[in-house]
C-alpha atoms as a PDB file:
ATOM      1  CA  MET A   1     -49.322-111.234 -97.428  1.00  0.00           C
ATOM      2  CA  MET A   2     -52.613-112.113 -99.132  1.00  0.00           C
ATOM      3  CA  ASP A   3     -51.673-115.804 -99.039  1.00  0.00           C
ATOM      4  CA  LYS A   4     -51.069-115.555 -95.283  1.00  0.00           C
ATOM      5  CA  ILE A   5     -54.387-113.784 -94.741  1.00  0.00           C
ATOM      6  CA  ARG A   6     -56.190-116.463 -96.762  1.00  0.00           C
ATOM      7  CA  LEU A   7     -54.434-119.147 -94.706  1.00  0.00           C
ATOM      8  CA  TRP A   8     -55.626-117.734 -91.369  1.00  0.00           C
ATOM      9  CA  LEU A   9     -59.121-117.165 -92.724  1.00  0.00           C
ATOM     10  CA  SER A  10     -59.115-120.795 -93.814  1.00  0.00           C
ATOM     11  CA  LEU A  11     -58.104-121.914 -90.308  1.00  0.00           C
ATOM     12  CA  VAL A  12     -61.128-120.209 -88.722  1.00  0.00           C
ATOM     13  CA  ARG A  13     -63.492-120.924 -91.652  1.00  0.00           C
ATOM     14  CA  PHE A  14     -64.317-117.208 -91.827  1.00  0.00           C
ATOM     15  CA  SER A  15     -66.993-117.866 -94.444  1.00  0.00           C
ATOM     16  CA  HIS A  16     -69.073-119.619 -91.757  1.00  0.00           C
ATOM     17  CA  THR A  17     -69.520-116.234 -90.063  1.00  0.00           C
ATOM     18  CA  LEU A  18     -72.451-115.817 -92.460  1.00  0.00           C
ATOM     19  CA  PHE A  19     -74.549-118.042 -90.173  1.00  0.00           C
ATOM     20  CA  ALA A  20     -74.335-116.106 -86.888  1.00  0.00           C
ATOM     21  CA  LEU A  21     -73.322-112.561 -87.869  1.00  0.00           C
ATOM     22  CA  PRO A  22     -76.766-111.620 -89.272  1.00  0.00           C
ATOM     23  CA  PHE A  23     -78.329-112.650 -85.944  1.00  0.00           C
ATOM     24  CA  ALA A  24     -75.816-110.497 -84.072  1.00  0.00           C
ATOM     25  CA  VAL A  25     -76.642-107.530 -86.295  1.00  0.00           C
ATOM     26  CA  ALA A  26     -80.344-108.221 -85.697  1.00  0.00           C
ATOM     27  CA  GLY A  27     -79.749-108.135 -81.933  1.00  0.00           C
ATOM     28  CA  TRP A  28     -77.834-104.882 -82.306  1.00  0.00           C
ATOM     29  CA  LEU A  29     -80.711-103.351 -84.312  1.00  0.00           C
ATOM     30  CA  VAL A  30     -83.202-104.268 -81.603  1.00  0.00           C
ATOM     31  CA  GLY A  31     -80.949-103.026 -78.791  1.00  0.00           C
ATOM     32  CA  SER A  32     -80.205 -99.743 -80.542  1.00  0.00           C
ATOM     33  CA  HIS A  33     -83.837 -99.254 -81.656  1.00  0.00           C
ATOM     34  CA  GLY A  34     -82.580 -98.686 -85.177  1.00  0.00           C
ATOM     35  CA  ARG A  35     -80.269 -95.804 -84.266  1.00  0.00           C
ATOM     36  CA  PHE A  36     -76.988 -96.270 -86.105  1.00  0.00           C
ATOM     37  CA  GLU A  37     -73.918 -95.535 -84.033  1.00  0.00           C
ATOM     38  CA  ALA A  38     -70.842 -96.395 -86.089  1.00  0.00           C
ATOM     39  CA  ARG A  39     -68.432 -96.922 -83.179  1.00  0.00           C
ATOM     40  CA  THR A  40     -70.688 -99.403 -81.380  1.00  0.00           C
ATOM     41  CA  PHE A  41     -71.546-101.249 -84.569  1.00  0.00           C
ATOM     42  CA  LEU A  42     -67.861-101.619 -85.492  1.00  0.00           C
ATOM     43  CA  LEU A  43     -67.000-102.857 -81.991  1.00  0.00           C
ATOM     44  CA  VAL A  44     -69.850-105.418 -82.131  1.00  0.00           C
ATOM     45  CA  VAL A  45     -68.575-106.779 -85.449  1.00  0.00           C
ATOM     46  CA  LEU A  46     -64.991-106.914 -84.159  1.00  0.00           C
ATOM     47  CA  CYS A  47     -66.097-108.666 -80.944  1.00  0.00           C
ATOM     48  CA  MET A  48     -67.984-111.201 -83.034  1.00  0.00           C
ATOM     49  CA  ALA A  49     -64.945-111.788 -85.250  1.00  0.00           C
ATOM     50  CA  THR A  50     -62.362-112.095 -82.459  1.00  0.00           C
ATOM     51  CA  ALA A  51     -64.503-114.406 -80.307  1.00  0.00           C
ATOM     52  CA  ARG A  52     -65.195-116.621 -83.282  1.00  0.00           C
ATOM     53  CA  ASN A  53     -61.547-116.572 -84.386  1.00  0.00           C
ATOM     54  CA  ALA A  54     -60.467-117.684 -80.917  1.00  0.00           C
ATOM     55  CA  ALA A  55     -63.096-120.432 -80.750  1.00  0.00           C
ATOM     56  CA  MET A  56     -62.430-121.881 -84.204  1.00  0.00           C
ATOM     57  CA  ALA A  57     -58.648-121.744 -83.888  1.00  0.00           C
ATOM     58  CA  PHE A  58     -58.839-123.367 -80.437  1.00  0.00           C
ATOM     59  CA  ASN A  59     -61.035-126.105 -81.887  1.00  0.00           C
ATOM     60  CA  ARG A  60     -58.555-126.759 -84.692  1.00  0.00           C
ATOM     61  CA  LEU A  61     -55.643-126.673 -82.249  1.00  0.00           C
ATOM     62  CA  ILE A  62     -56.882-129.198 -79.697  1.00  0.00           C
ATOM     63  CA  ASP A  63     -58.475-131.412 -82.371  1.00  0.00           C
ATOM     64  CA  ARG A  64     -55.403-131.582 -84.597  1.00  0.00           C
ATOM     65  CA  ASP A  65     -54.617-135.228 -83.762  1.00  0.00           C
ATOM     66  CA  ILE A  66     -58.271-136.223 -84.176  1.00  0.00           C
ATOM     67  CA  ASP A  67     -58.497-134.339 -87.475  1.00  0.00           C
ATOM     68  CA  ALA A  68     -55.397-136.117 -88.757  1.00  0.00           C
ATOM     69  CA  THR A  69     -57.161-139.498 -88.449  1.00  0.00           C
ATOM     70  CA  ASN A  70     -60.307-138.418 -90.319  1.00  0.00           C
ATOM     71  CA  PRO A  71     -60.150-138.403 -94.137  1.00  0.00           C
ATOM     72  CA  ARG A  72     -62.626-135.498 -94.215  1.00  0.00           C
ATOM     73  CA  THR A  73     -60.465-133.279 -91.984  1.00  0.00           C
ATOM     74  CA  ALA A  74     -56.918-134.557 -92.507  1.00  0.00           C
ATOM     75  CA  GLN A  75     -56.099-131.665 -94.857  1.00  0.00           C
ATOM     76  CA  ARG A  76     -57.052-128.965 -92.382  1.00  0.00           C
ATOM     77  CA  ASP A  77     -54.287-126.428 -91.886  1.00  0.00           C
ATOM     78  CA  ILE A  78     -52.700-127.688 -88.651  1.00  0.00           C
ATOM     79  CA  PRO A  79     -52.622-131.468 -89.346  1.00  0.00           C
ATOM     80  CA  ALA A  80     -51.481-130.685 -92.897  1.00  0.00           C
ATOM     81  CA  GLY A  81     -48.590-128.604 -91.526  1.00  0.00           C
ATOM     82  CA  ARG A  82     -49.523-125.253 -93.062  1.00  0.00           C
ATOM     83  CA  ILE A  83     -49.972-123.701 -89.608  1.00  0.00           C
ATOM     84  CA  THR A  84     -47.958-124.727 -86.555  1.00  0.00           C
ATOM     85  CA  PRO A  85     -49.554-125.476 -83.161  1.00  0.00           C
ATOM     86  CA  ARG A  86     -47.459-122.650 -81.668  1.00  0.00           C
ATOM     87  CA  GLY A  87     -48.754-120.198 -84.254  1.00  0.00           C
ATOM     88  CA  ALA A  88     -52.331-121.304 -83.611  1.00  0.00           C
ATOM     89  CA  THR A  89     -51.855-120.913 -79.839  1.00  0.00           C
ATOM     90  CA  ILE A  90     -50.608-117.340 -80.261  1.00  0.00           C
ATOM     91  CA  PHE A  91     -53.555-116.637 -82.554  1.00  0.00           C
ATOM     92  CA  VAL A  92     -56.057-117.945 -79.966  1.00  0.00           C
ATOM     93  CA  ILE A  93     -54.542-115.949 -77.078  1.00  0.00           C
ATOM     94  CA  SER A  94     -54.306-112.771 -79.173  1.00  0.00           C
ATOM     95  CA  ASN A  95     -57.950-112.970 -80.215  1.00  0.00           C
ATOM     96  CA  CYS A  96     -59.095-113.664 -76.635  1.00  0.00           C
ATOM     97  CA  LEU A  97     -57.236-110.597 -75.366  1.00  0.00           C
ATOM     98  CA  LEU A  98     -58.588-108.462 -78.191  1.00  0.00           C
ATOM     99  CA  PHE A  99     -62.123-109.653 -77.439  1.00  0.00           C
ATOM    100  CA  VAL A 100     -61.841-108.645 -73.773  1.00  0.00           C
ATOM    101  CA  LEU A 101     -60.372-105.265 -74.726  1.00  0.00           C
ATOM    102  CA  LEU A 102     -63.133-104.597 -77.261  1.00  0.00           C
ATOM    103  CA  SER A 103     -65.754-105.596 -74.669  1.00  0.00           C
ATOM    104  CA  TRP A 104     -64.248-103.085 -72.244  1.00  0.00           C
ATOM    105  CA  LEU A 105     -64.552-100.375 -74.899  1.00  0.00           C
ATOM    106  CA  LEU A 106     -68.269-101.157 -75.287  1.00  0.00           C
ATOM    107  CA  ASN A 107     -69.676-100.878 -71.756  1.00  0.00           C
ATOM    108  CA  PRO A 108     -69.170-102.269 -68.218  1.00  0.00           C
ATOM    109  CA  LEU A 109     -71.721-105.088 -68.591  1.00  0.00           C
ATOM    110  CA  CYS A 110     -70.103-106.365 -71.794  1.00  0.00           C
ATOM    111  CA  PHE A 111     -66.711-106.289 -70.096  1.00  0.00           C
ATOM    112  CA  ALA A 112     -68.010-108.153 -67.024  1.00  0.00           C
ATOM    113  CA  LEU A 113     -69.590-110.857 -69.189  1.00  0.00           C
ATOM    114  CA  SER A 114     -66.654-111.286 -71.588  1.00  0.00           C
ATOM    115  CA  PRO A 115     -64.908-114.082 -69.589  1.00  0.00           C
ATOM    116  CA  LEU A 116     -68.165-116.070 -69.502  1.00  0.00           C
ATOM    117  CA  ALA A 117     -68.541-115.641 -73.245  1.00  0.00           C
ATOM    118  CA  LEU A 118     -65.017-116.975 -73.794  1.00  0.00           C
ATOM    119  CA  VAL A 119     -65.690-119.979 -71.535  1.00  0.00           C
ATOM    120  CA  LEU A 120     -68.755-120.810 -73.630  1.00  0.00           C
ATOM    121  CA  VAL A 121     -67.159-120.425 -77.053  1.00  0.00           C
ATOM    122  CA  LEU A 122     -63.887-122.158 -76.153  1.00  0.00           C
ATOM    123  CA  GLY A 123     -65.465-124.860 -73.991  1.00  0.00           C
ATOM    124  CA  TYR A 124     -67.446-126.330 -76.871  1.00  0.00           C
ATOM    125  CA  SER A 125     -64.264-127.816 -78.318  1.00  0.00           C
ATOM    126  CA  LEU A 126     -63.811-129.952 -75.202  1.00  0.00           C
ATOM    127  CA  ALA A 127     -67.449-131.035 -74.877  1.00  0.00           C
ATOM    128  CA  LYS A 128     -67.407-133.897 -77.389  1.00  0.00           C
ATOM    129  CA  ARG A 129     -64.836-135.641 -75.218  1.00  0.00           C
ATOM    130  CA  PHE A 130     -67.398-136.200 -72.463  1.00  0.00           C
ATOM    131  CA  THR A 131     -70.977-135.541 -73.664  1.00  0.00           C
ATOM    132  CA  SER A 132     -73.193-136.143 -76.676  1.00  0.00           C
ATOM    133  CA  LEU A 133     -74.796-132.780 -75.912  1.00  0.00           C
ATOM    134  CA  CYS A 134     -71.791-131.008 -77.440  1.00  0.00           C
ATOM    135  CA  HIS A 135     -74.091-129.787 -80.246  1.00  0.00           C
ATOM    136  CA  VAL A 136     -76.318-128.087 -77.662  1.00  0.00           C
ATOM    137  CA  TRP A 137     -73.231-126.396 -76.219  1.00  0.00           C
ATOM    138  CA  LEU A 138     -72.243-125.139 -79.678  1.00  0.00           C
ATOM    139  CA  GLY A 139     -75.761-123.822 -80.253  1.00  0.00           C
ATOM    140  CA  LEU A 140     -75.618-121.961 -76.935  1.00  0.00           C
ATOM    141  CA  ALA A 141     -72.144-120.555 -77.613  1.00  0.00           C
ATOM    142  CA  ILE A 142     -73.339-119.129 -80.930  1.00  0.00           C
ATOM    143  CA  GLY A 143     -76.821-118.333 -79.644  1.00  0.00           C
ATOM    144  CA  ILE A 144     -75.624-115.696 -77.182  1.00  0.00           C
ATOM    145  CA  SER A 145     -74.626-113.376 -80.044  1.00  0.00           C
ATOM    146  CA  PRO A 146     -77.962-111.508 -80.505  1.00  0.00           C
ATOM    147  CA  MET A 147     -78.218-110.820 -76.772  1.00  0.00           C
ATOM    148  CA  ALA A 148     -74.538-109.841 -76.583  1.00  0.00           C
ATOM    149  CA  ALA A 149     -74.948-107.402 -79.469  1.00  0.00           C
ATOM    150  CA  SER A 150     -78.072-105.941 -77.868  1.00  0.00           C
ATOM    151  CA  ILE A 151     -76.235-105.454 -74.560  1.00  0.00           C
ATOM    152  CA  ALA A 152     -73.445-103.734 -76.495  1.00  0.00           C
ATOM    153  CA  ALA A 153     -75.978-101.288 -77.915  1.00  0.00           C
ATOM    154  CA  SER A 154     -78.123-100.704 -74.831  1.00  0.00           C
ATOM    155  CA  GLY A 155     -76.077-101.792 -71.794  1.00  0.00           C
ATOM    156  CA  ARG A 156     -78.897-104.018 -70.493  1.00  0.00           C
ATOM    157  CA  PHE A 157     -80.736-107.306 -71.029  1.00  0.00           C
ATOM    158  CA  SER A 158     -83.980-107.382 -73.022  1.00  0.00           C
ATOM    159  CA  VAL A 159     -86.492-110.044 -74.044  1.00  0.00           C
ATOM    160  CA  VAL A 160     -86.601-109.850 -77.851  1.00  0.00           C
ATOM    161  CA  PRO A 161     -82.832-110.299 -78.392  1.00  0.00           C
ATOM    162  CA  ALA A 162     -82.988-113.212 -75.941  1.00  0.00           C
ATOM    163  CA  MET A 163     -85.717-114.765 -78.088  1.00  0.00           C
ATOM    164  CA  LEU A 164     -83.604-114.267 -81.203  1.00  0.00           C
ATOM    165  CA  GLY A 165     -80.820-116.033 -79.309  1.00  0.00           C
ATOM    166  CA  ALA A 166     -83.153-118.963 -78.577  1.00  0.00           C
ATOM    167  CA  VAL A 167     -84.035-119.137 -82.277  1.00  0.00           C
ATOM    168  CA  LEU A 168     -80.332-119.220 -83.147  1.00  0.00           C
ATOM    169  CA  TRP A 169     -79.610-121.766 -80.402  1.00  0.00           C
ATOM    170  CA  THR A 170     -82.147-124.350 -81.588  1.00  0.00           C
ATOM    171  CA  TRP A 171     -81.399-123.770 -85.258  1.00  0.00           C
ATOM    172  CA  MET A 172     -77.612-124.089 -84.898  1.00  0.00           C
ATOM    173  CA  THR A 173     -77.909-127.115 -82.601  1.00  0.00           C
ATOM    174  CA  GLY A 174     -79.987-128.924 -85.224  1.00  0.00           C
ATOM    175  CA  PHE A 175     -77.699-127.678 -87.992  1.00  0.00           C
ATOM    176  CA  ASP A 176     -74.609-129.033 -86.215  1.00  0.00           C
ATOM    177  CA  ILE A 177     -76.274-132.399 -85.613  1.00  0.00           C
ATOM    178  CA  VAL A 178     -77.014-132.735 -89.336  1.00  0.00           C
ATOM    179  CA  TYR A 179     -73.434-131.701 -90.184  1.00  0.00           C
ATOM    180  CA  ALA A 180     -72.006-134.177 -87.646  1.00  0.00           C
ATOM    181  CA  THR A 181     -73.705-137.140 -89.350  1.00  0.00           C
ATOM    182  CA  GLN A 182     -70.711-137.142 -91.706  1.00  0.00           C
ATOM    183  CA  ASP A 183     -68.479-138.269 -88.826  1.00  0.00           C
ATOM    184  CA  GLU A 184     -70.720-140.868 -87.192  1.00  0.00           C
ATOM    185  CA  VAL A 185     -68.392-143.811 -87.844  1.00  0.00           C
ATOM    186  CA  HIS A 186     -65.221-141.873 -87.083  1.00  0.00           C
ATOM    187  CA  ASP A 187     -66.613-140.595 -83.759  1.00  0.00           C
ATOM    188  CA  LYS A 188     -67.586-144.114 -82.730  1.00  0.00           C
ATOM    189  CA  ASP A 189     -64.155-145.490 -83.633  1.00  0.00           C
ATOM    190  CA  LEU A 190     -62.373-142.852 -81.525  1.00  0.00           C
ATOM    191  CA  GLY A 191     -64.825-142.966 -78.624  1.00  0.00           C
ATOM    192  CA  LEU A 192     -65.941-139.382 -79.169  1.00  0.00           C
ATOM    193  CA  HIS A 193     -69.396-138.267 -78.078  1.00  0.00           C
ATOM    194  CA  SER A 194     -71.981-136.901 -80.493  1.00  0.00           C
ATOM    195  CA  ILE A 195     -75.677-137.285 -81.265  1.00  0.00           C
ATOM    196  CA  PRO A 196     -74.918-139.235 -84.496  1.00  0.00           C
ATOM    197  CA  ALA A 197     -72.573-141.572 -82.606  1.00  0.00           C
ATOM    198  CA  ALA A 198     -75.262-142.183 -79.981  1.00  0.00           C
ATOM    199  CA  PHE A 199     -78.410-142.357 -82.131  1.00  0.00           C
ATOM    200  CA  GLY A 200     -77.223-143.039 -85.692  1.00  0.00           C
ATOM    201  CA  ARG A 201     -78.018-140.984 -88.781  1.00  0.00           C
ATOM    202  CA  SER A 202     -81.779-141.528 -88.873  1.00  0.00           C
ATOM    203  CA  GLY A 203     -82.207-140.849 -85.149  1.00  0.00           C
ATOM    204  CA  SER A 204     -80.039-137.746 -85.432  1.00  0.00           C
ATOM    205  CA  MET A 205     -82.096-136.390 -88.305  1.00  0.00           C
ATOM    206  CA  ARG A 206     -85.273-136.859 -86.244  1.00  0.00           C
ATOM    207  CA  ILE A 207     -83.723-134.984 -83.308  1.00  0.00           C
ATOM    208  CA  ALA A 208     -82.600-132.189 -85.622  1.00  0.00           C
ATOM    209  CA  ALA A 209     -86.112-132.003 -87.101  1.00  0.00           C
ATOM    210  CA  ILE A 210     -87.636-131.634 -83.615  1.00  0.00           C
ATOM    211  CA  LEU A 211     -85.173-128.849 -82.812  1.00  0.00           C
ATOM    212  CA  HIS A 212     -85.964-127.065 -86.059  1.00  0.00           C
ATOM    213  CA  PHE A 213     -89.683-127.364 -85.423  1.00  0.00           C
ATOM    214  CA  GLY A 214     -88.902-125.603 -82.149  1.00  0.00           C
ATOM    215  CA  THR A 215     -86.984-122.960 -84.118  1.00  0.00           C
ATOM    216  CA  LEU A 216     -90.089-122.205 -86.164  1.00  0.00           C
ATOM    217  CA  GLY A 217     -92.223-121.974 -83.030  1.00  0.00           C
ATOM    218  CA  LEU A 218     -89.729-119.578 -81.451  1.00  0.00           C
ATOM    219  CA  LEU A 219     -89.767-117.391 -84.566  1.00  0.00           C
ATOM    220  CA  VAL A 220     -93.545-117.097 -84.249  1.00  0.00           C
ATOM    221  CA  LEU A 221     -93.329-116.400 -80.500  1.00  0.00           C
ATOM    222  CA  THR A 222     -90.623-113.769 -81.030  1.00  0.00           C
ATOM    223  CA  GLY A 223     -92.889-111.892 -83.413  1.00  0.00           C
ATOM    224  CA  ARG A 224     -95.796-112.008 -80.972  1.00  0.00           C
ATOM    225  CA  LEU A 225     -93.699-110.787 -78.023  1.00  0.00           C
ATOM    226  CA  ALA A 226     -92.214-107.958 -80.095  1.00  0.00           C
ATOM    227  CA  GLY A 227     -95.550-106.994 -81.627  1.00  0.00           C
ATOM    228  CA  TRP A 228     -94.130-107.348 -85.127  1.00  0.00           C
ATOM    229  CA  GLY A 229     -96.320-107.527 -88.205  1.00  0.00           C
ATOM    230  CA  ILE A 230     -96.341-108.645 -91.828  1.00  0.00           C
ATOM    231  CA  PRO A 231     -92.585-108.306 -92.611  1.00  0.00           C
ATOM    232  CA  TRP A 232     -91.749-110.622 -89.718  1.00  0.00           C
ATOM    233  CA  HIS A 233     -94.521-113.063 -90.641  1.00  0.00           C
ATOM    234  CA  VAL A 234     -93.135-113.238 -94.199  1.00  0.00           C
ATOM    235  CA  ALA A 235     -89.608-113.828 -92.872  1.00  0.00           C
ATOM    236  CA  THR A 236     -90.919-116.564 -90.559  1.00  0.00           C
ATOM    237  CA  ALA A 237     -92.681-118.276 -93.465  1.00  0.00           C
ATOM    238  CA  VAL A 238     -89.509-118.198 -95.576  1.00  0.00           C
ATOM    239  CA  CYS A 239     -87.489-119.669 -92.693  1.00  0.00           C
ATOM    240  CA  GLY A 240     -90.127-122.383 -92.287  1.00  0.00           C
ATOM    241  CA  GLY A 241     -89.767-123.220 -95.975  1.00  0.00           C
ATOM    242  CA  VAL A 242     -85.994-123.520 -95.645  1.00  0.00           C
ATOM    243  CA  LEU A 243     -86.300-125.820 -92.632  1.00  0.00           C
ATOM    244  CA  LEU A 244     -88.938-127.938 -94.378  1.00  0.00           C
ATOM    245  CA  TRP A 245     -86.717-128.309 -97.427  1.00  0.00           C
ATOM    246  CA  MET A 246     -83.774-129.316 -95.256  1.00  0.00           C
ATOM    247  CA  HIS A 247     -85.649-132.210 -93.704  1.00  0.00           C
ATOM    248  CA  ALA A 248     -88.292-133.267 -96.231  1.00  0.00           C
ATOM    249  CA  PHE A 249     -87.000-132.558 -99.716  1.00  0.00           C
ATOM    250  CA  ARG A 250     -83.201-132.353 -99.660  1.00  0.00           C
ATOM    251  CA  SER A 251     -81.907-135.419-101.475  1.00  0.00           C
ATOM    252  CA  ASP A 252     -78.129-134.873-101.608  1.00  0.00           C
ATOM    253  CA  ASP A 253     -75.676-135.667 -98.833  1.00  0.00           C
ATOM    254  CA  ASP A 254     -73.206-132.958 -99.794  1.00  0.00           C
ATOM    255  CA  LEU A 255     -72.663-130.750 -96.754  1.00  0.00           C
ATOM    256  CA  SER A 256     -69.854-128.622 -98.188  1.00  0.00           C
ATOM    257  CA  LEU A 257     -70.046-124.835 -98.094  1.00  0.00           C
ATOM    258  CA  GLN A 258     -70.950-124.780-101.783  1.00  0.00           C
ATOM    259  CA  SER A 259     -73.884-127.148-101.354  1.00  0.00           C
ATOM    260  CA  GLY A 260     -77.566-126.259-101.287  1.00  0.00           C
ATOM    261  CA  PHE A 261     -77.630-127.228 -97.608  1.00  0.00           C
ATOM    262  CA  PHE A 262     -75.196-124.501 -96.605  1.00  0.00           C
ATOM    263  CA  LYS A 263     -76.602-121.904 -98.987  1.00  0.00           C
ATOM    264  CA  ALA A 264     -80.130-122.469 -97.697  1.00  0.00           C
ATOM    265  CA  ASN A 265     -79.014-122.001 -94.102  1.00  0.00           C
ATOM    266  CA  ILE A 266     -77.141-118.814 -94.980  1.00  0.00           C
ATOM    267  CA  ALA A 267     -80.374-117.631 -96.623  1.00  0.00           C
ATOM    268  CA  LEU A 268     -82.287-118.425 -93.398  1.00  0.00           C
ATOM    269  CA  SER A 269     -79.945-116.276 -91.323  1.00  0.00           C
ATOM    270  CA  ALA A 270     -80.151-113.417 -93.828  1.00  0.00           C
ATOM    271  CA  THR A 271     -83.953-113.707 -93.851  1.00  0.00           C
ATOM    272  CA  VAL A 272     -84.126-113.302 -90.068  1.00  0.00           C
ATOM    273  CA  LEU A 273     -81.980-110.158 -90.314  1.00  0.00           C
ATOM    274  CA  ALA A 274     -84.144-108.803 -93.135  1.00  0.00           C
ATOM    275  CA  GLY A 275     -87.292-109.408 -91.095  1.00  0.00           C
ATOM    276  CA  VAL A 276     -85.878-107.668 -88.030  1.00  0.00           C
ATOM    277  CA  ALA A 277     -84.534-104.762 -90.092  1.00  0.00           C
ATOM    278  CA  ALA A 278     -87.905-104.275 -91.792  1.00  0.00           C
ATOM    279  CA  GLN A 279     -89.639-104.101 -88.420  1.00  0.00           C
ATOM    280  CA  VAL A 280     -87.099-101.926 -86.600  1.00  0.00           C
ATOM    281  CA  LEU A 281     -86.205 -99.572 -89.446  1.00  0.00           C
ATOM    282  CA  GLY A 282     -89.520 -99.537 -91.304  1.00  0.00           C
ATOM    283  CA  PRO A 283     -92.392 -97.069 -90.854  1.00  0.00           C
ATOM    284  CA  ARG A 284     -94.043 -97.148 -87.429  1.00  0.00           C
END
């Protein structure tokens, strides 16, 4: 049983949840004004997990033939035969249905928006077949999580969670562009669309740097709009240091989960959550 659980977690790269989940929790904190309600919090986490499971499994399913031709991805679970396409299809459908059900349990607005959320998170996997802006689509699909979590807590839209979503959008778009530089040659050979395939590695890194400069600006603007003080300013400075390191001082090309690149980005996400928590839960 544990081997099967590990296999399905491997399919959806569950460890990568560490990038977006802290932002979702931050959005929930803002929407709930720091009031902990266990049922809502659990439903938010489960919605996050099921939507992400569906998106990642769908990506692996429709990309299985592409993955089989790429030495970096040929040993993924479906092309390697550890999970069947039929099993992956059932997994995707099950998680989509669970996501809609969980959204219904939250509130009417979450339920009404759940199909749109699924279109965004599933549609990314098709985007690289027709546009180099697929990274922007991925950033948007992940970037809705703070606003979605805030709506789950409050039942309405609000500005600060939307700003946190914009921070996540620009950061993840740049992050994905950097990560995609590994597949520049492969994407060109197969006629797939990506920023690295269109602009090369150096051009892609410049585009990612511009996006991450925008991320830093949005962090500052978020603090000003929310009226947040020193804890948020400290968190913003730490995030700026991480982004600077990523573009100016990182010397290795290892983009595996164990690398400094991934660990630094996980630290950035955790820092944003810490900054929000300090402002929302701290003394007023």
